[in-house]
N, C-alpha and C. Protein backbone atom coordinates (compact mmCIF):
# COMPACT_ATOMS: atom_id res chain seq x y z
N GLU A 1 22.81 10.30 26.95
CA GLU A 1 22.67 8.91 26.58
C GLU A 1 21.21 8.62 26.24
N ILE A 2 21.02 7.53 25.47
CA ILE A 2 19.67 7.18 25.06
C ILE A 2 18.78 6.90 26.25
N SER A 3 19.34 6.29 27.29
CA SER A 3 18.52 5.94 28.45
C SER A 3 17.88 7.17 29.07
N SER A 4 18.54 8.33 28.95
CA SER A 4 17.99 9.55 29.52
C SER A 4 16.80 10.06 28.74
N LEU A 5 16.62 9.59 27.51
CA LEU A 5 15.52 10.07 26.68
C LEU A 5 14.17 9.59 27.20
N TRP A 6 14.20 8.50 27.95
CA TRP A 6 12.91 8.02 28.47
C TRP A 6 12.27 9.09 29.33
N ASP A 7 13.06 9.70 30.22
CA ASP A 7 12.52 10.76 31.07
C ASP A 7 12.14 11.99 30.26
N ILE A 8 12.97 12.33 29.29
CA ILE A 8 12.66 13.50 28.46
C ILE A 8 11.39 13.27 27.66
N GLY A 9 11.34 12.12 27.02
CA GLY A 9 10.20 11.86 26.14
C GLY A 9 8.91 11.69 26.90
N SER A 10 8.95 11.03 28.04
CA SER A 10 7.71 10.72 28.73
C SER A 10 7.15 11.90 29.50
N THR A 11 7.96 12.93 29.76
CA THR A 11 7.48 14.07 30.54
C THR A 11 7.34 15.33 29.71
N ALA A 12 7.88 15.31 28.47
CA ALA A 12 7.81 16.52 27.65
C ALA A 12 6.39 16.83 27.24
N GLU A 13 6.10 18.12 27.12
CA GLU A 13 4.78 18.53 26.66
C GLU A 13 4.64 18.23 25.18
N LYS A 14 3.53 17.59 24.82
CA LYS A 14 3.33 17.24 23.42
C LYS A 14 2.92 18.46 22.62
N PRO A 15 3.49 18.63 21.42
CA PRO A 15 3.06 19.74 20.58
C PRO A 15 1.65 19.52 20.08
N ILE A 16 0.92 20.61 19.90
CA ILE A 16 -0.46 20.51 19.43
C ILE A 16 -0.45 20.37 17.91
N ALA A 17 -1.07 19.32 17.41
CA ALA A 17 -1.12 19.11 15.97
C ALA A 17 -1.99 20.18 15.32
N GLU A 18 -1.55 20.69 14.20
CA GLU A 18 -2.33 21.71 13.52
C GLU A 18 -3.62 21.13 12.96
N ARG A 19 -3.59 19.89 12.57
CA ARG A 19 -4.79 19.22 12.06
C ARG A 19 -4.63 17.72 12.23
N PRO A 20 -5.72 17.00 12.24
CA PRO A 20 -5.64 15.54 12.43
C PRO A 20 -5.06 14.87 11.20
N PRO A 21 -4.59 13.63 11.35
CA PRO A 21 -4.04 12.92 10.19
C PRO A 21 -5.11 12.66 9.14
N THR A 22 -4.68 12.71 7.90
CA THR A 22 -5.57 12.40 6.78
C THR A 22 -5.02 11.26 5.93
N VAL A 23 -3.79 10.85 6.21
CA VAL A 23 -3.14 9.76 5.49
C VAL A 23 -2.40 8.89 6.51
N TRP A 24 -2.54 7.57 6.35
CA TRP A 24 -1.87 6.64 7.25
C TRP A 24 -0.94 5.76 6.42
N VAL A 25 0.35 5.83 6.73
CA VAL A 25 1.37 5.14 5.94
C VAL A 25 1.98 4.02 6.78
N GLU A 26 2.01 2.82 6.24
CA GLU A 26 2.66 1.70 6.92
C GLU A 26 3.91 1.31 6.14
N LEU A 27 5.03 1.24 6.84
CA LEU A 27 6.27 0.79 6.21
C LEU A 27 6.37 -0.72 6.26
N VAL A 28 7.29 -1.28 5.48
CA VAL A 28 7.42 -2.73 5.40
C VAL A 28 7.90 -3.34 6.72
N ASP A 29 8.47 -2.51 7.62
CA ASP A 29 8.92 -3.03 8.91
C ASP A 29 7.86 -2.89 10.00
N GLY A 30 6.65 -2.47 9.61
CA GLY A 30 5.56 -2.34 10.57
C GLY A 30 5.42 -0.97 11.19
N SER A 31 6.34 -0.05 10.90
CA SER A 31 6.20 1.32 11.40
C SER A 31 4.91 1.93 10.86
N GLN A 32 4.21 2.67 11.71
CA GLN A 32 2.94 3.28 11.34
C GLN A 32 3.06 4.80 11.44
N ILE A 33 2.87 5.48 10.31
CA ILE A 33 3.07 6.93 10.25
C ILE A 33 1.73 7.63 10.05
N GLN A 34 1.42 8.56 10.95
CA GLN A 34 0.25 9.40 10.77
C GLN A 34 0.69 10.69 10.07
N ALA A 35 0.06 10.99 8.96
CA ALA A 35 0.53 12.08 8.11
C ALA A 35 -0.64 12.90 7.58
N VAL A 36 -0.28 13.99 6.88
CA VAL A 36 -1.31 14.84 6.28
C VAL A 36 -1.14 14.93 4.77
N GLN A 37 -0.07 14.32 4.23
CA GLN A 37 0.12 14.35 2.78
C GLN A 37 1.02 13.19 2.36
N TYR A 38 0.67 12.60 1.21
CA TYR A 38 1.48 11.52 0.65
C TYR A 38 1.45 11.65 -0.87
N THR A 39 2.61 11.87 -1.46
CA THR A 39 2.72 11.92 -2.91
C THR A 39 3.95 11.10 -3.32
N VAL A 40 3.97 10.70 -4.59
CA VAL A 40 5.08 9.89 -5.10
C VAL A 40 5.49 10.41 -6.46
N THR A 41 6.79 10.54 -6.66
CA THR A 41 7.36 10.87 -7.95
C THR A 41 8.54 9.96 -8.22
N MET A 42 8.45 9.20 -9.30
CA MET A 42 9.56 8.33 -9.73
C MET A 42 10.05 7.42 -8.60
N GLY A 43 9.11 6.79 -7.92
CA GLY A 43 9.47 5.80 -6.92
C GLY A 43 9.89 6.34 -5.57
N GLU A 44 9.81 7.66 -5.38
CA GLU A 44 10.14 8.26 -4.08
C GLU A 44 8.92 8.97 -3.52
N ALA A 45 8.55 8.60 -2.30
CA ALA A 45 7.39 9.20 -1.65
C ALA A 45 7.81 10.39 -0.81
N ALA A 46 6.99 11.43 -0.84
CA ALA A 46 7.13 12.58 0.06
C ALA A 46 5.98 12.50 1.05
N VAL A 47 6.33 12.33 2.31
CA VAL A 47 5.33 12.17 3.37
C VAL A 47 5.41 13.40 4.27
N LYS A 48 4.33 14.16 4.34
CA LYS A 48 4.30 15.33 5.23
C LYS A 48 3.71 14.90 6.55
N LEU A 49 4.50 15.04 7.61
CA LEU A 49 4.09 14.61 8.93
C LEU A 49 3.19 15.66 9.58
N ILE A 50 2.53 15.27 10.65
CA ILE A 50 1.60 16.17 11.32
C ILE A 50 2.30 17.41 11.85
N ASP A 51 3.56 17.26 12.28
CA ASP A 51 4.28 18.40 12.84
C ASP A 51 4.79 19.37 11.78
N GLY A 52 4.51 19.08 10.50
CA GLY A 52 4.91 19.95 9.42
C GLY A 52 6.19 19.53 8.72
N ASN A 53 6.95 18.64 9.35
CA ASN A 53 8.17 18.15 8.71
C ASN A 53 7.83 17.17 7.59
N SER A 54 8.77 17.01 6.66
CA SER A 54 8.57 16.09 5.53
C SER A 54 9.59 14.97 5.59
N LEU A 55 9.17 13.82 5.11
CA LEU A 55 10.02 12.64 5.11
C LEU A 55 10.05 12.09 3.68
N ARG A 56 11.25 11.81 3.19
CA ARG A 56 11.41 11.21 1.87
C ARG A 56 11.66 9.71 2.04
N VAL A 57 10.85 8.90 1.37
CA VAL A 57 10.93 7.45 1.53
C VAL A 57 10.79 6.79 0.17
N LYS A 58 11.69 5.89 -0.16
CA LYS A 58 11.53 5.09 -1.37
C LYS A 58 10.30 4.19 -1.21
N THR A 59 9.54 4.05 -2.29
CA THR A 59 8.31 3.24 -2.18
C THR A 59 8.62 1.77 -1.91
N ARG A 60 9.86 1.34 -2.12
CA ARG A 60 10.20 -0.04 -1.80
C ARG A 60 10.15 -0.28 -0.28
N TYR A 61 10.09 0.81 0.50
CA TYR A 61 9.97 0.69 1.95
C TYR A 61 8.53 0.87 2.43
N VAL A 62 7.61 1.17 1.52
CA VAL A 62 6.22 1.45 1.89
C VAL A 62 5.37 0.21 1.64
N GLN A 63 4.67 -0.22 2.68
CA GLN A 63 3.78 -1.38 2.56
C GLN A 63 2.41 -0.97 2.04
N ALA A 64 1.82 0.02 2.69
CA ALA A 64 0.46 0.42 2.32
C ALA A 64 0.21 1.86 2.74
N VAL A 65 -0.76 2.49 2.07
CA VAL A 65 -1.15 3.86 2.38
C VAL A 65 -2.68 3.92 2.39
N ARG A 66 -3.22 4.38 3.49
CA ARG A 66 -4.69 4.49 3.61
C ARG A 66 -5.09 5.95 3.51
N PHE A 67 -6.14 6.22 2.71
CA PHE A 67 -6.60 7.58 2.48
C PHE A 67 -7.87 7.93 3.26
N GLN A 68 -8.53 6.93 3.83
CA GLN A 68 -9.83 7.16 4.46
C GLN A 68 -9.78 6.89 5.96
N VAL A 69 -10.67 7.57 6.69
CA VAL A 69 -10.77 7.42 8.14
C VAL A 69 -11.68 6.24 8.47
N TYR A 70 -11.24 5.38 9.38
CA TYR A 70 -12.03 4.21 9.78
C TYR A 70 -12.43 4.25 11.26
N THR A 71 -12.34 5.41 11.87
CA THR A 71 -12.62 5.52 13.30
C THR A 71 -14.00 4.97 13.65
N SER A 72 -15.00 5.28 12.84
CA SER A 72 -16.37 4.84 13.12
C SER A 72 -16.78 3.65 12.25
N ALA A 73 -15.80 3.00 11.63
CA ALA A 73 -16.11 1.86 10.75
C ALA A 73 -15.16 0.71 11.05
N PRO A 74 -15.32 0.04 12.20
CA PRO A 74 -14.42 -1.06 12.56
C PRO A 74 -14.44 -2.22 11.57
N GLU A 75 -15.57 -2.42 10.88
CA GLU A 75 -15.64 -3.52 9.91
C GLU A 75 -14.69 -3.24 8.74
N LEU A 76 -14.69 -1.99 8.28
CA LEU A 76 -13.79 -1.63 7.19
C LEU A 76 -12.34 -1.68 7.65
N ALA A 77 -12.09 -1.27 8.88
CA ALA A 77 -10.73 -1.33 9.42
C ALA A 77 -10.23 -2.76 9.45
N ALA A 78 -11.10 -3.69 9.82
CA ALA A 78 -10.72 -5.11 9.86
C ALA A 78 -10.43 -5.63 8.46
N GLN A 79 -11.25 -5.21 7.48
CA GLN A 79 -11.01 -5.63 6.10
C GLN A 79 -9.70 -5.06 5.58
N TRP A 80 -9.43 -3.80 5.92
CA TRP A 80 -8.17 -3.18 5.50
C TRP A 80 -6.98 -3.95 6.08
N ASP A 81 -7.06 -4.28 7.35
CA ASP A 81 -5.97 -5.02 7.99
C ASP A 81 -5.77 -6.38 7.33
N GLU A 82 -6.87 -7.01 6.94
CA GLU A 82 -6.77 -8.31 6.28
C GLU A 82 -6.08 -8.18 4.92
N ILE A 83 -6.44 -7.15 4.16
CA ILE A 83 -5.85 -6.94 2.84
C ILE A 83 -4.36 -6.65 2.96
N THR A 84 -4.00 -5.78 3.89
CA THR A 84 -2.60 -5.35 4.00
C THR A 84 -1.72 -6.39 4.68
N SER A 85 -2.32 -7.35 5.36
CA SER A 85 -1.51 -8.37 6.04
C SER A 85 -1.11 -9.51 5.11
N THR A 86 -1.74 -9.60 3.95
CA THR A 86 -1.40 -10.64 2.99
C THR A 86 -0.30 -10.13 2.06
N ARG A 87 0.36 -11.03 1.39
CA ARG A 87 1.41 -10.65 0.44
C ARG A 87 0.81 -10.67 -0.97
N PRO A 88 0.53 -9.51 -1.55
CA PRO A 88 -0.11 -9.48 -2.86
C PRO A 88 0.85 -9.90 -3.97
N ALA A 89 0.28 -10.33 -5.08
CA ALA A 89 1.09 -10.73 -6.23
C ALA A 89 1.44 -9.53 -7.10
N SER A 90 0.81 -8.38 -6.83
CA SER A 90 1.10 -7.15 -7.56
C SER A 90 0.63 -6.00 -6.69
N ASP A 91 0.87 -4.76 -7.15
CA ASP A 91 0.33 -3.61 -6.43
C ASP A 91 -1.20 -3.66 -6.44
N LEU A 92 -1.80 -3.01 -5.45
CA LEU A 92 -3.25 -3.00 -5.34
C LEU A 92 -3.76 -1.58 -5.12
N VAL A 93 -4.92 -1.28 -5.71
CA VAL A 93 -5.71 -0.13 -5.27
C VAL A 93 -6.93 -0.71 -4.57
N VAL A 94 -7.29 -0.10 -3.46
CA VAL A 94 -8.40 -0.61 -2.64
C VAL A 94 -9.58 0.34 -2.78
N ILE A 95 -10.72 -0.22 -3.14
CA ILE A 95 -11.94 0.55 -3.44
C ILE A 95 -13.05 0.10 -2.52
N ARG A 96 -13.86 1.04 -2.07
CA ARG A 96 -15.00 0.70 -1.23
C ARG A 96 -16.23 0.50 -2.10
N ARG A 97 -16.85 -0.64 -1.94
CA ARG A 97 -18.10 -0.93 -2.64
C ARG A 97 -19.14 -1.24 -1.57
N SER A 98 -20.03 -0.29 -1.36
CA SER A 98 -21.02 -0.40 -0.29
C SER A 98 -20.29 -0.51 1.04
N ASP A 99 -20.48 -1.62 1.76
CA ASP A 99 -19.84 -1.79 3.06
C ASP A 99 -18.65 -2.73 2.99
N ASN A 100 -18.12 -2.94 1.80
CA ASN A 100 -17.01 -3.86 1.64
C ASN A 100 -15.87 -3.20 0.87
N LEU A 101 -14.67 -3.70 1.13
CA LEU A 101 -13.50 -3.23 0.40
C LEU A 101 -13.16 -4.22 -0.69
N ASP A 102 -12.94 -3.71 -1.88
CA ASP A 102 -12.54 -4.52 -3.03
C ASP A 102 -11.15 -4.06 -3.45
N GLN A 103 -10.48 -4.88 -4.24
CA GLN A 103 -9.12 -4.55 -4.65
C GLN A 103 -8.91 -4.86 -6.12
N MET A 104 -8.08 -4.06 -6.75
CA MET A 104 -7.71 -4.26 -8.15
C MET A 104 -6.21 -4.39 -8.23
N GLU A 105 -5.73 -5.36 -9.01
CA GLU A 105 -4.30 -5.59 -9.16
C GLU A 105 -3.77 -4.82 -10.36
N GLY A 106 -2.56 -4.30 -10.23
CA GLY A 106 -1.93 -3.57 -11.31
C GLY A 106 -0.57 -3.05 -10.87
N ILE A 107 -0.20 -1.89 -11.39
CA ILE A 107 1.08 -1.27 -11.04
C ILE A 107 0.83 0.18 -10.66
N ILE A 108 1.29 0.57 -9.46
CA ILE A 108 1.15 1.94 -9.00
C ILE A 108 2.36 2.74 -9.47
N HIS A 109 2.08 3.87 -10.09
CA HIS A 109 3.16 4.77 -10.54
C HIS A 109 3.16 6.00 -9.64
N ASP A 110 3.12 7.19 -10.22
CA ASP A 110 3.16 8.41 -9.41
C ASP A 110 1.83 8.61 -8.67
N VAL A 111 1.93 9.32 -7.55
CA VAL A 111 0.75 9.66 -6.76
C VAL A 111 0.79 11.16 -6.50
N THR A 112 -0.31 11.85 -6.82
CA THR A 112 -0.43 13.28 -6.50
C THR A 112 -1.46 13.44 -5.40
N ASP A 113 -1.75 14.69 -5.04
CA ASP A 113 -2.77 14.94 -4.04
C ASP A 113 -4.16 14.58 -4.55
N GLU A 114 -4.30 14.49 -5.86
CA GLU A 114 -5.63 14.24 -6.45
C GLU A 114 -5.79 12.84 -7.00
N VAL A 115 -4.73 12.27 -7.59
CA VAL A 115 -4.90 11.00 -8.30
C VAL A 115 -3.76 10.03 -7.99
N VAL A 116 -4.05 8.76 -8.24
CA VAL A 116 -3.05 7.69 -8.23
C VAL A 116 -2.93 7.19 -9.66
N GLN A 117 -1.75 7.28 -10.24
CA GLN A 117 -1.53 6.74 -11.58
C GLN A 117 -1.40 5.23 -11.45
N PHE A 118 -2.36 4.52 -12.04
CA PHE A 118 -2.46 3.08 -11.84
C PHE A 118 -2.53 2.39 -13.19
N GLU A 119 -1.58 1.48 -13.42
CA GLU A 119 -1.55 0.73 -14.67
C GLU A 119 -2.35 -0.55 -14.50
N TYR A 120 -3.40 -0.69 -15.32
CA TYR A 120 -4.32 -1.83 -15.22
C TYR A 120 -4.55 -2.40 -16.61
N ASN A 121 -4.20 -3.67 -16.77
CA ASN A 121 -4.36 -4.35 -18.06
C ASN A 121 -3.67 -3.58 -19.19
N GLY A 122 -2.48 -3.07 -18.91
CA GLY A 122 -1.70 -2.39 -19.93
C GLY A 122 -2.04 -0.94 -20.16
N GLN A 123 -3.08 -0.43 -19.50
CA GLN A 123 -3.46 0.97 -19.64
C GLN A 123 -3.25 1.69 -18.32
N THR A 124 -2.72 2.91 -18.39
CA THR A 124 -2.51 3.71 -17.18
C THR A 124 -3.67 4.68 -17.02
N ILE A 125 -4.31 4.63 -15.88
CA ILE A 125 -5.44 5.50 -15.60
C ILE A 125 -5.12 6.38 -14.40
N ASP A 126 -5.75 7.54 -14.34
CA ASP A 126 -5.63 8.42 -13.19
C ASP A 126 -6.82 8.16 -12.27
N ALA A 127 -6.60 7.37 -11.24
CA ALA A 127 -7.66 7.03 -10.30
C ALA A 127 -7.76 8.13 -9.24
N LYS A 128 -8.94 8.72 -9.11
CA LYS A 128 -9.13 9.79 -8.14
C LYS A 128 -8.97 9.25 -6.72
N ARG A 129 -8.18 9.94 -5.93
CA ARG A 129 -7.94 9.49 -4.57
C ARG A 129 -9.21 9.50 -3.73
N THR A 130 -10.14 10.39 -4.05
CA THR A 130 -11.39 10.44 -3.30
C THR A 130 -12.22 9.18 -3.49
N LYS A 131 -11.93 8.43 -4.56
CA LYS A 131 -12.66 7.20 -4.85
C LYS A 131 -11.96 5.97 -4.28
N LEU A 132 -10.76 6.18 -3.71
CA LEU A 132 -9.97 5.05 -3.22
C LEU A 132 -9.89 5.08 -1.70
N ASP A 133 -9.86 3.89 -1.11
CA ASP A 133 -9.59 3.81 0.33
C ASP A 133 -8.10 3.76 0.60
N GLY A 134 -7.34 3.27 -0.39
CA GLY A 134 -5.90 3.24 -0.19
C GLY A 134 -5.20 2.46 -1.27
N ILE A 135 -3.90 2.28 -1.08
CA ILE A 135 -3.06 1.53 -2.02
C ILE A 135 -2.15 0.60 -1.23
N VAL A 136 -1.79 -0.51 -1.87
CA VAL A 136 -0.89 -1.49 -1.27
C VAL A 136 0.19 -1.80 -2.29
N TYR A 137 1.43 -1.79 -1.84
CA TYR A 137 2.55 -2.04 -2.75
C TYR A 137 2.99 -3.51 -2.69
N TYR A 138 3.30 -4.03 -3.87
CA TYR A 138 3.90 -5.36 -3.95
C TYR A 138 5.38 -5.29 -3.63
N HIS A 139 5.85 -6.27 -2.86
CA HIS A 139 7.28 -6.38 -2.57
C HIS A 139 7.69 -7.84 -2.70
N PRO A 140 8.74 -8.12 -3.47
CA PRO A 140 9.22 -9.50 -3.56
C PRO A 140 9.80 -9.94 -2.23
N LEU A 141 9.91 -11.24 -2.07
CA LEU A 141 10.50 -11.78 -0.85
C LEU A 141 11.92 -11.26 -0.71
N SER A 142 12.28 -10.89 0.50
CA SER A 142 13.61 -10.35 0.75
C SER A 142 14.26 -11.09 1.91
N ASP A 143 15.51 -10.74 2.17
CA ASP A 143 16.22 -11.35 3.29
C ASP A 143 15.56 -10.96 4.60
N SER A 144 15.87 -11.71 5.65
CA SER A 144 15.31 -11.42 6.96
C SER A 144 15.70 -10.00 7.37
N PRO A 145 14.74 -9.22 7.92
CA PRO A 145 15.05 -7.84 8.30
C PRO A 145 15.97 -7.80 9.52
N ALA A 146 16.55 -6.63 9.74
CA ALA A 146 17.39 -6.44 10.92
C ALA A 146 16.54 -6.55 12.19
N ASP A 147 17.19 -6.88 13.29
CA ASP A 147 16.48 -6.98 14.56
C ASP A 147 16.00 -5.60 15.01
N ARG A 148 14.85 -5.57 15.64
CA ARG A 148 14.32 -4.32 16.18
C ARG A 148 14.93 -4.05 17.55
N LEU A 149 15.47 -2.85 17.71
CA LEU A 149 16.04 -2.45 19.00
C LEU A 149 14.97 -1.92 19.93
N ALA A 150 14.06 -1.12 19.38
CA ALA A 150 13.06 -0.47 20.21
C ALA A 150 11.89 -0.02 19.35
N ARG A 151 10.81 0.32 20.04
CA ARG A 151 9.66 0.94 19.37
C ARG A 151 9.54 2.36 19.91
N VAL A 152 9.56 3.32 19.00
CA VAL A 152 9.48 4.73 19.36
C VAL A 152 8.10 5.26 18.97
N VAL A 153 7.43 5.89 19.91
CA VAL A 153 6.15 6.54 19.64
C VAL A 153 6.36 8.04 19.77
N ASP A 154 6.03 8.77 18.71
CA ASP A 154 6.21 10.23 18.79
C ASP A 154 4.92 10.90 19.24
N ALA A 155 4.99 12.19 19.46
CA ALA A 155 3.86 12.92 20.04
C ALA A 155 2.65 12.98 19.11
N SER A 156 2.84 12.75 17.82
CA SER A 156 1.72 12.76 16.88
C SER A 156 0.99 11.43 16.84
N GLY A 157 1.58 10.41 17.48
CA GLY A 157 0.96 9.09 17.48
C GLY A 157 1.59 8.12 16.51
N SER A 158 2.55 8.56 15.71
CA SER A 158 3.25 7.64 14.80
C SER A 158 4.12 6.69 15.61
N THR A 159 4.24 5.46 15.11
CA THR A 159 5.02 4.43 15.78
C THR A 159 6.13 3.96 14.85
N TRP A 160 7.36 3.98 15.37
CA TRP A 160 8.53 3.67 14.55
C TRP A 160 9.25 2.46 15.14
N ASN A 161 9.39 1.41 14.35
CA ASN A 161 10.18 0.25 14.76
C ASN A 161 11.62 0.50 14.31
N VAL A 162 12.53 0.65 15.27
CA VAL A 162 13.87 1.13 14.94
C VAL A 162 14.93 0.08 15.26
N ARG A 163 15.99 0.14 14.47
CA ARG A 163 17.14 -0.74 14.69
C ARG A 163 18.31 -0.01 15.33
N SER A 164 18.28 1.34 15.29
CA SER A 164 19.34 2.10 15.93
C SER A 164 18.81 3.46 16.37
N LEU A 165 19.39 3.98 17.47
CA LEU A 165 19.05 5.28 18.03
C LEU A 165 20.34 5.99 18.41
N GLU A 166 20.38 7.29 18.16
CA GLU A 166 21.55 8.07 18.55
C GLU A 166 21.11 9.47 18.94
N LEU A 167 21.56 9.93 20.09
CA LEU A 167 21.28 11.28 20.53
C LEU A 167 22.46 12.17 20.18
N ALA A 168 22.20 13.18 19.34
CA ALA A 168 23.27 14.08 18.91
C ALA A 168 22.70 15.47 18.71
N GLN A 169 23.35 16.47 19.32
CA GLN A 169 22.96 17.87 19.18
C GLN A 169 21.47 18.06 19.49
N GLU A 170 21.06 17.46 20.59
CA GLU A 170 19.69 17.58 21.10
C GLU A 170 18.65 17.09 20.11
N ARG A 171 19.02 16.11 19.30
CA ARG A 171 18.08 15.44 18.38
C ARG A 171 18.26 13.93 18.53
N LEU A 172 17.16 13.23 18.41
CA LEU A 172 17.21 11.78 18.39
C LEU A 172 17.21 11.33 16.94
N ASN A 173 18.32 10.80 16.49
CA ASN A 173 18.42 10.29 15.12
C ASN A 173 18.16 8.79 15.16
N LEU A 174 17.19 8.37 14.41
CA LEU A 174 16.84 6.95 14.42
C LEU A 174 16.81 6.40 13.00
N VAL A 175 17.03 5.11 12.92
CA VAL A 175 16.94 4.38 11.66
C VAL A 175 15.96 3.25 11.87
N THR A 176 14.92 3.18 11.05
CA THR A 176 13.94 2.12 11.21
C THR A 176 14.53 0.79 10.74
N VAL A 177 13.84 -0.27 11.06
CA VAL A 177 14.31 -1.60 10.71
C VAL A 177 14.52 -1.75 9.21
N CYS A 178 13.67 -1.09 8.40
CA CYS A 178 13.80 -1.21 6.95
C CYS A 178 14.78 -0.20 6.35
N GLY A 179 15.31 0.73 7.19
CA GLY A 179 16.34 1.63 6.70
C GLY A 179 15.94 3.07 6.49
N VAL A 180 14.76 3.47 6.95
CA VAL A 180 14.32 4.86 6.82
C VAL A 180 14.93 5.69 7.95
N ASN A 181 15.48 6.86 7.61
CA ASN A 181 16.12 7.74 8.60
C ASN A 181 15.15 8.83 9.04
N LEU A 182 15.19 9.14 10.33
CA LEU A 182 14.33 10.17 10.89
C LEU A 182 15.06 10.85 12.04
N SER A 183 14.83 12.16 12.19
CA SER A 183 15.43 12.92 13.28
C SER A 183 14.33 13.65 14.03
N LEU A 184 14.27 13.47 15.35
CA LEU A 184 13.23 14.08 16.17
C LEU A 184 13.84 14.82 17.35
N PRO A 185 13.28 15.97 17.73
CA PRO A 185 13.69 16.59 18.98
C PRO A 185 13.07 15.82 20.14
N PRO A 186 13.72 15.77 21.29
CA PRO A 186 13.16 15.04 22.43
C PRO A 186 11.77 15.49 22.82
N THR A 187 11.43 16.76 22.58
CA THR A 187 10.09 17.24 22.94
C THR A 187 8.99 16.58 22.14
N GLN A 188 9.33 15.92 21.03
CA GLN A 188 8.32 15.24 20.22
C GLN A 188 8.26 13.76 20.50
N LEU A 189 8.94 13.31 21.53
CA LEU A 189 8.90 11.90 21.89
C LEU A 189 7.79 11.65 22.91
N SER A 190 7.06 10.57 22.72
CA SER A 190 6.06 10.17 23.69
C SER A 190 6.52 8.94 24.47
N LYS A 191 7.19 8.01 23.79
CA LYS A 191 7.60 6.78 24.45
C LYS A 191 8.70 6.10 23.66
N ILE A 192 9.65 5.51 24.38
CA ILE A 192 10.64 4.64 23.78
C ILE A 192 10.59 3.32 24.55
N ASP A 193 10.26 2.25 23.86
CA ASP A 193 10.08 0.95 24.51
C ASP A 193 11.18 0.01 24.07
N PHE A 194 12.08 -0.33 25.00
CA PHE A 194 13.17 -1.26 24.73
C PHE A 194 12.84 -2.69 25.17
N SER A 195 11.65 -2.90 25.71
CA SER A 195 11.32 -4.20 26.28
C SER A 195 11.27 -5.27 25.21
N SER A 196 11.41 -6.50 25.63
CA SER A 196 11.39 -7.62 24.68
C SER A 196 10.05 -7.69 23.99
N GLY A 197 10.09 -7.72 22.66
CA GLY A 197 8.87 -7.74 21.89
C GLY A 197 8.26 -6.38 21.69
N ASN A 198 8.63 -5.39 22.54
CA ASN A 198 8.07 -4.03 22.56
C ASN A 198 6.79 -3.91 21.74
């Protein structure tokens, strides 16, 4: 039963990450994914997780993707949070200018390991990812999301806001509030919080 996962997840030994995260992906339901790769082809993102597994996500479920580390730059982290917490009128690329973050409006197309294809004023340019702090996707207003059942934290530090959980064949199959599917072994669980507001 799911209730038994609390003991499994909270006592299991965490796997050692091969390398630290280099990409931070936020879903529209508030889930926060720590990853090592993010690319997009024809509206579908491929997200490589720290544990080596890959996740396929439609970009309509992706709120924002950060390419830069802000551990020693709390001012930039605060600016990033401010930009991503607003509802943009179009897609955004976020650029660092000195000690400030600036943004450009346009349309984000494919994303490779090297560039973001960005349509600006009718022209599509290949913006080098090394020059960008991140990207933010525009999403039209939608119906109220499903209720959150729990917040799941995995051993890599990613946080998943989920609407359903199922334990089957020694795997925890979860569906996030926005509809992204993920399967984790109990050994990769750090915490499952069912409390109100979690």
